N, C-alpha and C. Protein backbone atom coordinates (compact mmCIF):
# COMPACT_ATOMS: atom_id res chain seq x y z
N MET A 1 91.07 69.97 87.27
CA MET A 1 91.73 70.75 87.78
C MET A 1 91.81 71.68 89.23
N ILE A 2 92.33 72.48 89.73
CA ILE A 2 92.75 72.91 91.08
C ILE A 2 92.28 73.89 91.36
N SER A 3 91.31 74.47 92.33
CA SER A 3 91.32 75.60 93.31
C SER A 3 92.45 75.89 94.56
N VAL A 4 93.04 76.98 94.29
CA VAL A 4 93.97 77.44 95.36
C VAL A 4 93.28 78.43 95.95
N ILE A 5 93.64 77.84 97.59
CA ILE A 5 93.04 78.64 98.79
C ILE A 5 94.28 79.18 99.45
N ILE A 6 94.05 80.46 99.66
CA ILE A 6 95.61 81.17 100.20
C ILE A 6 94.79 82.13 101.52
N PRO A 7 94.64 81.62 102.62
CA PRO A 7 94.32 82.73 103.76
C PRO A 7 95.48 83.86 103.74
N THR A 8 95.25 85.35 104.00
CA THR A 8 96.15 86.31 103.96
C THR A 8 95.45 86.98 105.34
N TYR A 9 96.81 87.66 105.78
CA TYR A 9 96.93 88.55 106.82
C TYR A 9 98.10 89.46 106.66
N ASN A 10 98.29 90.56 106.34
CA ASN A 10 99.13 91.32 106.08
C ASN A 10 99.98 90.66 104.98
N GLU A 11 99.76 90.40 104.28
CA GLU A 11 100.38 89.85 102.88
C GLU A 11 101.02 90.96 101.90
N LYS A 12 100.37 92.34 101.57
CA LYS A 12 100.74 92.73 100.82
C LYS A 12 101.45 93.09 99.80
N LYS A 13 102.81 92.71 100.26
CA LYS A 13 103.80 92.95 99.46
C LYS A 13 104.11 91.54 98.44
N ASN A 14 103.06 90.38 98.97
CA ASN A 14 103.58 89.16 98.51
C ASN A 14 102.36 88.89 97.42
N ILE A 15 101.41 89.73 97.62
CA ILE A 15 100.32 89.17 96.77
C ILE A 15 100.38 88.85 95.08
N ASN A 16 101.45 90.13 94.33
CA ASN A 16 101.85 89.87 92.93
C ASN A 16 102.79 89.07 92.63
N LYS A 17 103.46 88.67 93.48
CA LYS A 17 104.66 87.80 93.31
C LYS A 17 104.13 86.72 93.50
N ILE A 18 103.27 86.24 94.44
CA ILE A 18 102.62 84.86 94.30
C ILE A 18 101.53 84.45 92.95
N LEU A 19 101.27 85.48 92.91
CA LEU A 19 100.41 85.25 91.26
C LEU A 19 101.09 85.32 90.28
N ASN A 20 102.12 85.71 90.14
CA ASN A 20 102.64 85.66 89.05
C ASN A 20 103.70 84.53 88.96
N LYS A 21 103.87 83.55 89.82
CA LYS A 21 103.86 82.02 90.03
C LYS A 21 103.09 81.39 89.80
N LEU A 22 101.75 81.42 90.43
CA LEU A 22 100.44 80.52 90.32
C LEU A 22 100.26 80.66 89.20
N LEU A 23 100.00 81.75 88.42
CA LEU A 23 98.92 81.95 86.90
C LEU A 23 99.74 81.19 86.11
N LYS A 24 101.03 80.50 86.17
CA LYS A 24 101.68 79.95 85.33
C LYS A 24 101.62 78.50 85.37
N VAL A 25 100.89 77.79 86.19
CA VAL A 25 100.54 76.29 86.32
C VAL A 25 99.26 76.23 85.72
N LYS A 26 99.50 75.67 84.97
CA LYS A 26 97.93 75.16 84.05
C LYS A 26 96.92 74.65 84.80
N LYS A 27 97.11 73.44 85.69
CA LYS A 27 96.35 72.68 86.25
C LYS A 27 95.64 73.83 87.57
N ILE A 28 95.59 74.67 87.40
CA ILE A 28 94.61 75.69 88.37
C ILE A 28 93.77 76.24 87.79
N SER A 29 92.55 76.37 87.95
CA SER A 29 91.22 76.93 87.46
C SER A 29 91.10 77.98 88.25
N GLU A 30 91.40 78.41 89.42
CA GLU A 30 91.03 79.45 90.09
C GLU A 30 91.84 79.53 91.38
N ILE A 31 92.10 80.91 91.60
CA ILE A 31 92.78 81.26 93.07
C ILE A 31 92.02 82.16 93.36
N ILE A 32 91.80 81.50 94.74
CA ILE A 32 90.80 82.26 95.71
C ILE A 32 91.85 82.90 97.05
N PHE A 33 91.89 83.98 97.49
CA PHE A 33 92.19 84.73 98.70
C PHE A 33 91.41 85.00 99.10
N VAL A 34 91.52 84.68 100.63
CA VAL A 34 90.68 85.03 101.76
C VAL A 34 91.22 85.79 102.88
N ASP A 35 91.20 87.01 103.13
CA ASP A 35 91.73 87.84 103.97
C ASP A 35 90.93 88.41 105.26
N ASP A 36 91.72 88.03 105.92
CA ASP A 36 91.46 88.20 107.91
C ASP A 36 91.27 89.34 107.86
N ARG A 37 90.97 90.46 107.56
CA ARG A 37 91.06 91.91 107.84
C ARG A 37 92.44 92.60 108.11
N SER A 38 93.19 92.33 107.18
CA SER A 38 94.29 92.63 107.15
C SER A 38 94.58 94.33 107.47
N THR A 39 95.48 94.83 107.84
CA THR A 39 95.39 96.37 108.00
C THR A 39 96.64 97.09 107.45
N ASP A 40 97.46 96.26 106.62
CA ASP A 40 98.44 96.84 105.55
C ASP A 40 97.68 96.83 103.97
N GLY A 41 96.47 97.27 103.91
CA GLY A 41 95.96 97.03 102.85
C GLY A 41 95.81 95.74 101.61
N THR A 42 95.95 94.64 102.47
CA THR A 42 96.44 93.53 101.92
C THR A 42 95.12 92.95 100.68
N TYR A 43 93.94 93.55 101.44
CA TYR A 43 92.46 93.05 100.46
C TYR A 43 92.43 94.25 99.57
N SER A 44 92.73 95.27 99.65
CA SER A 44 92.70 96.12 98.25
C SER A 44 93.96 95.94 97.79
N GLU A 45 94.76 95.33 97.71
CA GLU A 45 95.74 94.88 96.50
C GLU A 45 95.30 93.85 96.26
N ILE A 46 94.75 92.45 96.70
CA ILE A 46 93.96 91.23 96.24
C ILE A 46 92.76 91.80 94.98
N GLN A 47 92.09 92.97 95.40
CA GLN A 47 90.93 93.39 94.45
C GLN A 47 91.74 93.85 93.43
N LYS A 48 93.02 94.44 93.07
CA LYS A 48 93.63 94.83 91.57
C LYS A 48 93.97 93.67 90.87
N PHE A 49 93.68 92.73 91.42
CA PHE A 49 93.99 91.28 90.35
C PHE A 49 92.54 90.44 90.12
N SER A 50 91.81 90.71 90.84
CA SER A 50 90.50 90.09 90.87
C SER A 50 89.82 89.93 89.70
N LYS A 51 89.91 89.04 88.42
CA LYS A 51 89.27 88.96 87.81
C LYS A 51 89.54 87.44 87.21
N ASN A 52 89.06 86.94 86.37
CA ASN A 52 89.18 85.58 85.68
C ASN A 52 89.11 84.65 86.75
N LYS A 53 90.45 84.06 86.94
CA LYS A 53 90.97 83.19 87.82
C LYS A 53 91.09 83.80 89.17
N VAL A 54 91.25 84.62 89.18
CA VAL A 54 91.75 85.13 90.71
C VAL A 54 90.50 86.07 91.37
N LYS A 55 90.31 85.65 92.55
CA LYS A 55 88.63 86.09 93.35
C LYS A 55 89.51 86.20 94.55
N GLY A 56 88.93 87.35 95.38
CA GLY A 56 89.45 87.78 96.36
C GLY A 56 88.02 88.18 97.38
N TYR A 57 88.33 87.54 99.15
CA TYR A 57 87.19 87.73 99.75
C TYR A 57 87.71 88.21 101.24
N LEU A 58 86.99 89.00 101.61
CA LEU A 58 86.79 89.38 103.15
C LEU A 58 86.28 89.20 103.88
N ARG A 59 87.18 88.08 104.84
CA ARG A 59 86.18 87.65 106.09
C ARG A 59 85.94 88.18 106.98
N ASN A 60 84.90 88.94 106.93
CA ASN A 60 84.79 90.25 108.05
C ASN A 60 84.14 89.57 109.26
N SER A 61 85.36 89.11 110.56
CA SER A 61 84.71 88.72 111.58
C SER A 61 85.73 89.41 112.50
N LYS A 62 85.26 89.21 113.52
CA LYS A 62 86.10 89.54 114.66
C LYS A 62 87.20 89.17 115.15
N GLN A 63 87.06 87.69 114.60
CA GLN A 63 87.64 86.71 115.30
C GLN A 63 88.74 86.50 114.37
N ARG A 64 90.08 86.89 114.11
CA ARG A 64 90.72 86.18 113.00
C ARG A 64 91.47 85.04 113.03
N ASP A 65 91.24 83.91 112.07
CA ASP A 65 91.54 82.75 112.35
C ASP A 65 91.84 81.89 111.02
N LEU A 66 93.16 81.38 111.02
CA LEU A 66 93.44 80.69 109.60
C LEU A 66 92.61 79.69 109.09
N SER A 67 92.24 78.84 109.98
CA SER A 67 91.45 77.67 109.95
C SER A 67 89.80 78.18 108.92
N LYS A 68 89.68 78.79 109.94
CA LYS A 68 88.28 79.86 109.16
C LYS A 68 88.12 80.39 108.03
N SER A 69 89.49 80.72 107.71
CA SER A 69 89.39 81.77 105.99
C SER A 69 89.63 80.43 105.29
N VAL A 70 90.66 79.37 105.57
CA VAL A 70 90.54 78.48 104.51
C VAL A 70 89.36 77.55 104.18
N LEU A 71 88.36 77.23 105.39
CA LEU A 71 87.36 76.38 105.11
C LEU A 71 85.91 77.75 104.41
N TYR A 72 86.38 78.72 104.53
CA TYR A 72 85.24 79.73 104.08
C TYR A 72 86.04 79.73 102.12
N GLY A 73 87.14 79.45 102.36
CA GLY A 73 87.85 79.77 101.08
C GLY A 73 87.02 78.56 100.14
N VAL A 74 87.19 77.17 100.89
CA VAL A 74 86.89 76.10 100.25
C VAL A 74 85.02 75.99 99.64
N LYS A 75 84.56 76.71 100.50
CA LYS A 75 82.99 76.57 100.09
C LYS A 75 82.68 77.46 99.04
N LYS A 76 83.58 78.56 98.79
CA LYS A 76 83.38 79.33 97.31
C LYS A 76 84.22 78.49 96.33
N SER A 77 84.79 77.95 96.49
CA SER A 77 85.91 77.08 95.07
C SER A 77 84.61 76.10 94.51
N LYS A 78 85.00 75.92 93.37
CA LYS A 78 84.27 75.11 92.28
C LYS A 78 84.76 73.91 91.78
N SER A 79 86.37 73.62 91.90
CA SER A 79 86.80 72.34 91.61
C SER A 79 86.70 71.75 92.74
N LYS A 80 87.22 70.23 92.25
CA LYS A 80 86.72 68.93 92.93
C LYS A 80 88.12 69.08 93.76
N LEU A 81 89.27 69.62 93.38
CA LEU A 81 90.51 69.15 94.08
C LEU A 81 90.70 70.96 94.68
N THR A 82 91.27 71.01 96.03
CA THR A 82 91.73 71.55 96.77
C THR A 82 92.89 71.90 97.03
N LEU A 83 93.60 72.91 96.82
CA LEU A 83 95.18 73.20 97.46
C LEU A 83 95.28 74.42 98.26
N VAL A 84 95.53 74.25 99.27
CA VAL A 84 95.59 74.81 100.44
C VAL A 84 97.46 75.23 100.56
N MET A 85 97.69 76.76 100.80
CA MET A 85 99.34 77.10 100.61
C MET A 85 98.97 79.07 101.33
N ASP A 86 100.12 78.87 101.74
CA ASP A 86 100.68 80.02 102.41
C ASP A 86 100.75 81.19 101.49
N CYS A 87 100.73 82.21 101.84
CA CYS A 87 101.11 83.63 100.61
C CYS A 87 102.47 83.97 101.10
N ASP A 88 103.17 83.80 102.00
CA ASP A 88 104.28 84.20 102.31
C ASP A 88 105.69 83.73 101.29
N LEU A 89 105.29 82.96 99.94
CA LEU A 89 106.40 82.43 99.23
C LEU A 89 107.13 81.52 99.69
N GLN A 90 106.94 81.27 101.05
CA GLN A 90 107.71 79.88 101.91
C GLN A 90 107.11 78.73 100.95
N HIS A 91 106.45 78.89 100.73
CA HIS A 91 105.61 77.45 99.67
C HIS A 91 105.73 77.55 98.24
N ASN A 92 106.66 77.39 97.66
CA ASN A 92 107.06 77.18 95.99
C ASN A 92 105.94 76.44 95.39
N PRO A 93 105.69 77.22 94.38
CA PRO A 93 104.30 77.21 93.65
C PRO A 93 104.66 75.98 92.68
N LYS A 94 106.36 76.33 92.40
CA LYS A 94 106.85 75.03 91.69
C LYS A 94 106.57 73.46 91.94
N TYR A 95 106.37 73.01 93.10
CA TYR A 95 106.04 71.88 93.45
C TYR A 95 104.56 71.49 93.20
N ILE A 96 103.48 72.40 92.80
CA ILE A 96 102.10 71.96 92.54
C ILE A 96 102.08 70.86 91.27
N GLU A 97 103.07 70.82 90.47
CA GLU A 97 102.31 69.77 89.53
C GLU A 97 103.06 68.71 89.79
N LYS A 98 103.85 68.70 90.74
CA LYS A 98 104.36 67.18 91.16
C LYS A 98 103.55 66.70 91.83
N MET A 99 102.73 67.54 92.88
CA MET A 99 101.70 67.18 93.80
C MET A 99 100.48 66.73 93.06
N TYR A 100 100.22 67.20 92.26
CA TYR A 100 99.10 66.74 91.36
C TYR A 100 99.43 65.62 90.62
N SER A 101 100.62 65.15 89.98
CA SER A 101 101.00 64.14 89.29
C SER A 101 100.94 63.13 90.18
N LEU A 102 101.46 63.23 91.65
CA LEU A 102 101.34 61.88 92.72
C LEU A 102 100.03 61.78 92.94
N PHE A 103 99.15 62.79 93.05
CA PHE A 103 97.94 62.78 93.50
C PHE A 103 96.94 61.66 92.57
N GLU A 104 97.10 61.91 91.26
CA GLU A 104 96.70 61.17 90.18
C GLU A 104 97.19 59.54 89.95
N LYS A 105 98.46 59.74 90.37
CA LYS A 105 99.11 58.16 89.73
C LYS A 105 98.77 57.42 91.06
N LYS A 106 98.68 57.92 92.37
CA LYS A 106 98.29 56.87 93.81
C LYS A 106 97.45 57.14 93.84
N LYS A 107 96.20 57.58 93.28
CA LYS A 107 94.93 57.87 93.68
C LYS A 107 94.54 57.98 95.30
N SER A 108 95.34 58.67 95.65
CA SER A 108 95.34 59.71 96.87
C SER A 108 93.91 60.33 97.43
N ASP A 109 93.98 60.69 99.10
CA ASP A 109 93.14 61.55 99.49
C ASP A 109 93.68 62.69 99.31
N ILE A 110 94.80 62.59 99.93
CA ILE A 110 95.53 64.42 99.82
C ILE A 110 97.42 63.73 99.46
N VAL A 111 97.69 65.19 99.35
CA VAL A 111 99.20 64.96 99.29
C VAL A 111 99.68 66.07 99.75
N ILE A 112 100.77 65.87 100.76
CA ILE A 112 101.14 67.05 101.61
C ILE A 112 102.91 67.08 101.13
N ALA A 113 102.81 68.71 100.83
CA ALA A 113 104.08 69.16 100.64
C ALA A 113 104.75 68.95 102.22
N SER A 114 105.70 68.21 102.52
CA SER A 114 106.47 68.10 103.64
C SER A 114 107.30 68.69 103.74
N ARG A 115 107.98 69.69 104.92
CA ARG A 115 109.02 70.16 105.37
C ARG A 115 110.26 69.19 105.74
N PHE A 116 109.47 68.22 106.23
CA PHE A 116 110.68 67.08 107.06
C PHE A 116 110.40 66.02 106.28
N GLY A 117 111.39 64.83 106.16
CA GLY A 117 111.42 63.75 105.46
C GLY A 117 112.27 62.53 106.17
N ASP A 118 113.26 62.68 105.48
CA ASP A 118 114.34 62.03 106.40
C ASP A 118 115.20 62.81 107.18
N SER A 119 115.19 64.04 106.76
CA SER A 119 115.58 65.20 107.89
C SER A 119 114.73 65.36 108.64
N SER A 120 114.71 65.95 109.94
CA SER A 120 113.72 66.36 110.73
C SER A 120 114.13 68.05 111.03
N TYR A 121 115.32 68.20 110.27
CA TYR A 121 115.42 69.85 109.97
C TYR A 121 115.56 70.58 109.03
N GLU A 122 114.71 71.60 108.74
CA GLU A 122 114.87 72.04 107.43
C GLU A 122 114.95 73.44 107.96
N GLY A 123 116.43 73.92 107.03
CA GLY A 123 117.07 75.15 107.33
C GLY A 123 116.26 76.53 107.26
N ASN A 124 115.33 76.53 106.27
CA ASN A 124 114.98 77.97 106.34
C ASN A 124 113.76 78.03 107.45
N LEU A 125 113.63 77.16 107.82
CA LEU A 125 112.16 77.21 109.13
C LEU A 125 112.68 77.77 109.98
N GLY A 126 114.14 77.59 110.37
CA GLY A 126 114.90 78.07 111.27
C GLY A 126 115.07 76.83 112.26
N PHE A 127 115.94 76.89 113.27
CA PHE A 127 116.35 75.86 114.49
C PHE A 127 115.44 75.86 115.51
N PHE A 128 114.68 76.66 115.69
CA PHE A 128 113.93 76.92 116.96
C PHE A 128 112.72 76.80 116.18
N ARG A 129 112.24 77.16 115.24
CA ARG A 129 110.74 76.33 114.50
C ARG A 129 110.81 74.87 114.67
N SER A 130 111.85 74.92 113.80
CA SER A 130 112.07 73.35 113.44
C SER A 130 112.00 72.29 114.69
N LEU A 131 112.38 72.65 115.91
CA LEU A 131 112.70 71.74 117.26
C LEU A 131 111.11 71.84 117.70
N ILE A 132 110.37 73.19 117.47
CA ILE A 132 108.97 73.20 118.03
C ILE A 132 108.06 72.01 117.24
N SER A 133 108.33 72.29 115.84
CA SER A 133 107.57 71.65 115.02
C SER A 133 107.67 69.96 115.33
N ASN A 134 109.12 69.46 115.17
CA ASN A 134 109.44 68.22 115.49
C ASN A 134 108.68 67.69 116.91
N PHE A 135 108.68 68.57 117.64
CA PHE A 135 108.39 67.99 119.33
C PHE A 135 106.76 67.83 118.93
N ALA A 136 106.01 68.82 118.37
CA ALA A 136 104.68 68.81 118.31
C ALA A 136 104.25 67.72 117.05
N ILE A 137 104.90 67.14 116.37
CA ILE A 137 104.47 66.49 115.22
C ILE A 137 104.98 64.95 116.16
N GLU A 138 106.12 64.79 117.19
CA GLU A 138 106.46 63.21 117.73
C GLU A 138 105.13 63.33 118.69
N PHE A 139 104.74 64.46 119.48
CA PHE A 139 103.76 64.32 120.24
C PHE A 139 102.40 63.69 119.67
N ILE A 140 101.76 64.09 118.27
CA ILE A 140 100.85 63.97 117.51
C ILE A 140 101.11 62.36 117.35
N ASN A 141 102.46 62.03 116.94
CA ASN A 141 102.50 60.19 117.07
C ASN A 141 101.99 59.67 117.91
N PHE A 142 102.62 60.16 118.99
CA PHE A 142 102.65 59.53 120.46
C PHE A 142 101.44 59.39 120.89
N THR A 143 100.31 60.30 120.52
CA THR A 143 99.41 60.41 121.20
C THR A 143 97.81 59.97 120.21
N LEU A 144 98.40 60.19 119.07
CA LEU A 144 97.23 59.79 117.73
C LEU A 144 97.48 58.45 117.03
N GLY A 145 98.95 58.42 117.23
CA GLY A 145 99.37 57.68 115.73
C GLY A 145 100.17 58.52 114.72
N LYS A 146 100.89 57.60 114.08
CA LYS A 146 101.74 58.21 112.74
C LYS A 146 101.00 58.14 111.68
N LYS A 147 100.58 59.11 111.01
CA LYS A 147 99.69 59.30 109.63
C LYS A 147 100.84 59.78 108.45
N SER A 148 101.51 60.74 109.27
CA SER A 148 102.23 61.85 107.98
C SER A 148 103.33 62.21 108.70
N PHE A 149 104.36 62.44 107.63
CA PHE A 149 105.52 63.02 108.28
C PHE A 149 105.52 64.43 109.03
N ASP A 150 104.67 64.64 108.02
CA ASP A 150 104.21 66.52 108.59
C ASP A 150 102.80 67.00 108.74
N PRO A 151 102.13 66.38 109.36
CA PRO A 151 100.73 66.84 109.58
C PRO A 151 100.29 68.06 110.39
N LEU A 152 101.35 68.98 110.07
CA LEU A 152 100.81 70.43 110.57
C LEU A 152 101.73 71.45 109.58
N SER A 153 101.75 70.64 108.27
CA SER A 153 102.42 71.62 107.13
C SER A 153 100.91 72.41 106.89
N GLY A 154 101.30 73.35 106.25
CA GLY A 154 100.26 74.36 105.50
C GLY A 154 100.01 74.25 104.19
N PHE A 155 101.18 73.68 103.22
CA PHE A 155 101.00 73.18 101.76
C PHE A 155 100.38 72.17 101.47
N PHE A 156 99.10 71.92 101.30
CA PHE A 156 98.66 70.33 100.63
C PHE A 156 97.78 70.34 99.41
N LEU A 157 97.42 69.08 98.71
CA LEU A 157 96.18 69.02 97.78
C LEU A 157 95.40 67.75 98.32
N CYS A 158 94.16 68.10 98.48
CA CYS A 158 92.92 67.05 98.67
C CYS A 158 92.03 67.34 97.84
N LYS A 159 91.11 66.25 98.08
CA LYS A 159 89.85 66.00 97.24
C LYS A 159 89.19 67.26 98.32
N LYS A 160 88.72 68.02 97.71
CA LYS A 160 87.66 68.89 98.37
C LYS A 160 86.52 68.22 99.17
N ASN A 161 86.04 67.16 99.13
CA ASN A 161 85.04 66.64 100.31
C ASN A 161 86.06 66.11 101.23
N MET A 162 87.27 65.89 101.33
CA MET A 162 88.23 65.54 102.53
C MET A 162 87.67 66.56 103.33
N ILE A 163 87.36 68.26 102.86
CA ILE A 163 87.11 68.95 103.89
C ILE A 163 85.68 69.35 104.05
N THR A 164 84.91 69.35 102.97
CA THR A 164 83.40 69.86 103.20
C THR A 164 82.43 68.25 103.86
N LYS A 165 83.19 67.27 103.65
CA LYS A 165 82.11 66.33 104.39
C LYS A 165 82.20 66.09 105.41
N TYR A 166 83.47 66.54 106.17
CA TYR A 166 83.93 66.19 107.50
C TYR A 166 83.99 67.01 108.38
N GLU A 167 83.86 68.69 107.53
CA GLU A 167 83.84 69.81 108.98
C GLU A 167 82.91 69.48 110.14
N SER A 168 81.96 69.10 110.00
CA SER A 168 81.28 69.22 111.46
C SER A 168 82.45 68.41 112.31
N ASN A 169 83.21 67.29 112.13
CA ASN A 169 84.10 66.95 113.19
C ASN A 169 85.30 67.95 113.73
N PHE A 170 85.76 68.71 112.71
CA PHE A 170 86.82 69.39 112.56
C PHE A 170 86.71 70.41 114.02
N PHE A 171 87.73 71.15 114.36
CA PHE A 171 88.00 72.00 115.24
C PHE A 171 87.70 73.22 115.16
N LYS A 172 88.12 73.57 113.54
CA LYS A 172 87.68 74.57 113.13
C LYS A 172 88.32 76.00 113.77
N ARG A 173 89.36 76.05 114.72
CA ARG A 173 89.84 77.07 115.05
C ARG A 173 91.37 76.89 114.56
N GLY A 174 92.38 78.13 114.78
CA GLY A 174 93.83 77.72 114.80
C GLY A 174 94.34 77.97 113.53
N TYR A 175 95.60 77.49 113.31
CA TYR A 175 96.72 77.79 112.05
C TYR A 175 96.53 76.16 111.52
N LYS A 176 96.19 74.79 111.80
CA LYS A 176 96.81 73.45 111.72
C LYS A 176 95.59 72.96 111.05
N ILE A 177 94.80 73.33 110.15
CA ILE A 177 93.52 72.70 109.41
C ILE A 177 94.12 71.24 108.77
N LEU A 178 95.07 71.20 108.48
CA LEU A 178 95.73 70.06 107.36
C LEU A 178 95.41 68.88 108.96
N PHE A 179 95.89 69.18 110.31
CA PHE A 179 95.75 68.12 111.44
C PHE A 179 94.23 67.93 111.56
N ASP A 180 93.25 68.82 111.36
CA ASP A 180 92.18 68.57 111.26
C ASP A 180 91.35 67.47 110.19
N ILE A 181 91.88 67.86 109.14
CA ILE A 181 91.76 66.84 107.95
C ILE A 181 92.29 65.19 108.16
N ILE A 182 93.33 65.09 108.76
CA ILE A 182 93.60 63.98 108.99
C ILE A 182 93.54 63.12 110.19
N TYR A 183 92.97 63.84 111.01
CA TYR A 183 92.76 63.35 112.36
C TYR A 183 91.42 63.38 112.62
N ASN A 184 90.58 64.12 112.30
CA ASN A 184 89.18 64.23 112.45
C ASN A 184 88.60 64.35 111.42
N GLY A 185 88.89 63.78 110.20
CA GLY A 185 88.48 63.43 109.01
C GLY A 185 87.99 62.09 108.61
N LYS A 186 88.04 61.68 107.49
CA LYS A 186 88.55 60.36 106.93
C LYS A 186 88.82 59.30 107.46
N LYS A 187 88.71 58.38 107.91
CA LYS A 187 89.06 57.27 108.88
C LYS A 187 90.42 56.78 108.15
N ASN A 188 90.19 56.08 107.12
CA ASN A 188 91.34 55.52 106.31
C ASN A 188 91.61 56.68 105.02
N ILE A 189 92.24 57.75 105.40
CA ILE A 189 92.79 58.23 104.56
C ILE A 189 93.98 58.18 103.79
N LYS A 190 94.17 58.31 102.94
CA LYS A 190 95.47 57.82 101.90
C LYS A 190 95.92 58.89 101.55
N ILE A 191 97.35 58.67 102.25
CA ILE A 191 98.09 60.22 102.46
C ILE A 191 99.32 59.95 101.20
N LYS A 192 99.91 60.68 100.98
CA LYS A 192 101.39 60.88 100.07
C LYS A 192 102.22 61.85 100.35
N HIS A 193 103.07 61.82 100.16
CA HIS A 193 104.47 63.27 100.43
C HIS A 193 104.85 63.40 99.26
N VAL A 194 105.57 64.76 99.45
CA VAL A 194 106.46 65.64 98.59
C VAL A 194 106.94 66.47 99.33
N LYS A 195 108.38 66.15 99.80
CA LYS A 195 109.55 66.74 100.07
C LYS A 195 109.78 68.11 99.06
N ILE A 196 109.60 69.10 100.17
CA ILE A 196 109.81 70.25 99.52
C ILE A 196 111.10 71.30 100.36
N HIS A 197 111.64 72.22 99.44
CA HIS A 197 112.31 73.08 100.09
C HIS A 197 111.73 74.24 100.92
N PHE A 198 111.79 74.44 102.16
CA PHE A 198 111.14 75.62 102.56
C PHE A 198 111.65 76.78 102.57
N ASN A 199 110.90 78.06 101.69
CA ASN A 199 111.77 78.89 101.19
C ASN A 199 112.04 80.10 102.59
N LYS A 200 112.95 80.93 102.24
CA LYS A 200 113.42 82.06 103.42
C LYS A 200 112.43 83.06 103.36
N ARG A 201 111.41 83.27 104.06
CA ARG A 201 110.57 84.56 104.12
C ARG A 201 110.84 86.09 103.81
N ILE A 202 110.93 86.46 103.08
CA ILE A 202 111.05 87.81 102.68
C ILE A 202 110.35 89.14 102.88
N TYR A 203 109.62 89.14 102.52
CA TYR A 203 108.43 89.95 103.21
C TYR A 203 107.40 89.55 104.12
N GLU A 204 107.17 90.73 105.42
CA GLU A 204 106.64 90.40 106.35
C GLU A 204 107.21 89.50 107.48
N SER A 205 105.90 89.19 108.66
CA SER A 205 106.69 88.52 109.97
C SER A 205 105.67 87.26 109.64
N SER A 206 106.37 86.21 110.57
CA SER A 206 105.71 85.25 111.01
C SER A 206 104.63 85.23 111.78
N LYS A 207 103.55 84.67 111.48
CA LYS A 207 102.42 84.46 112.72
C LYS A 207 102.28 83.74 113.81
N PHE A 208 103.23 83.28 113.92
CA PHE A 208 103.63 82.26 115.34
C PHE A 208 104.02 82.69 116.31
N ASN A 209 102.94 82.76 117.18
CA ASN A 209 103.02 83.03 118.54
C ASN A 209 102.45 82.29 119.66
N ILE A 210 102.66 82.44 120.88
CA ILE A 210 102.19 81.49 121.65
C ILE A 210 100.26 81.25 121.64
N THR A 211 99.82 82.24 121.15
CA THR A 211 98.25 81.79 120.68
C THR A 211 97.87 80.68 119.69
N VAL A 212 99.09 80.68 118.61
CA VAL A 212 99.09 79.52 117.64
C VAL A 212 99.21 78.12 118.71
N VAL A 213 100.09 78.19 119.64
CA VAL A 213 100.36 76.91 120.56
C VAL A 213 99.29 76.48 121.21
N VAL A 214 98.52 77.74 121.99
CA VAL A 214 97.70 77.18 122.79
C VAL A 214 96.05 76.56 121.85
N LEU A 215 96.02 77.48 120.68
CA LEU A 215 94.92 76.60 120.28
C LEU A 215 95.11 75.83 119.29
N PHE A 216 96.54 75.28 119.21
CA PHE A 216 97.09 73.61 118.78
C PHE A 216 96.48 72.51 119.79
N LEU A 217 96.97 72.96 121.08
CA LEU A 217 96.65 72.10 122.02
C LEU A 217 95.42 71.88 122.50
N ALA A 218 94.41 72.74 122.84
CA ALA A 218 93.07 72.80 122.42
C ALA A 218 92.37 71.82 121.10
N GLN A 219 93.31 71.93 120.06
CA GLN A 219 92.90 71.18 119.07
C GLN A 219 92.97 69.71 119.18
N ILE A 220 94.02 69.33 119.89
CA ILE A 220 94.60 67.94 119.92
C ILE A 220 93.38 67.41 121.26
N LEU A 221 93.29 68.31 121.94
CA LEU A 221 92.36 67.89 123.33
C LEU A 221 90.75 67.37 122.59
N HIS A 222 90.19 68.46 121.69
CA HIS A 222 89.07 68.22 120.87
C HIS A 222 89.16 66.70 120.21
N THR A 223 90.22 66.43 119.82
CA THR A 223 90.37 64.94 118.96
C THR A 223 90.38 64.05 120.02
N LEU A 224 91.17 64.01 120.93
CA LEU A 224 91.17 63.34 122.00
C LEU A 224 89.38 62.89 122.71
N LEU A 225 89.05 64.11 123.11
CA LEU A 225 87.92 64.23 123.73
C LEU A 225 86.56 63.75 123.10
N VAL A 226 86.73 64.45 122.15
CA VAL A 226 85.15 64.63 121.50
C VAL A 226 85.50 63.71 120.39
N VAL A 227 86.25 63.95 119.12
CA VAL A 227 85.73 63.24 118.08
C VAL A 227 86.54 61.65 118.20
N LYS A 228 87.23 61.14 119.12
CA LYS A 228 87.66 59.78 119.27
C LYS A 228 86.23 59.40 120.09
N LYS A 229 85.02 60.07 120.56
CA LYS A 229 84.25 59.26 120.88
C LYS A 229 83.16 58.91 120.22
N ILE A 230 83.10 59.99 119.00
CA ILE A 230 82.41 59.80 118.04
C ILE A 230 82.39 59.01 116.75
N LYS A 231 83.60 58.95 116.89
CA LYS A 231 84.40 57.95 115.71
C LYS A 231 84.08 56.11 116.28
């Protein structure tokens, strides 16, 4: 069974909509929202649905951070499998069954829902965002070696211990927790991919800004200068 971890920040309008989809997926044993002190009432909205499978936590820290929210949720989870996804409905829950099937069939450590595959441009990501993402991925491949089509995806299924066992090596900041798992975690990690259609955002706005870029560059430096020496 799967524990779904969803970090949130100002996603009030999306809570009910994503739950309507996730609660139909039989392989899911619990859905954990970790809110990063939203200002729009997101946490109060989560609390309306907090029972049985659905759990909500408020990460009451002065420093808002997606990676820290994901790690918080993973530590609260009970299943051996962890699925991380965004709350904005750009990650469609319909792919979860396919991801789980591939995970079981191929005996993988992680299955990544990739925005890219044969094509390097995904329409609903937007041309500018696709350009930046592809540049970042090519930079990762050049400096650290290619391990995934989409090491920056926010939608993936993995063994819980791929996170908890190697967390001490992680950068643990920013928005790219998958990068930490792939490059700062298990050495010979077994990765599979499921190509997805990246949905268009309907509510709220993207969290992408210059801070995201700066933290990502710091994360790569952490990998090159700290983790590589440890390994």
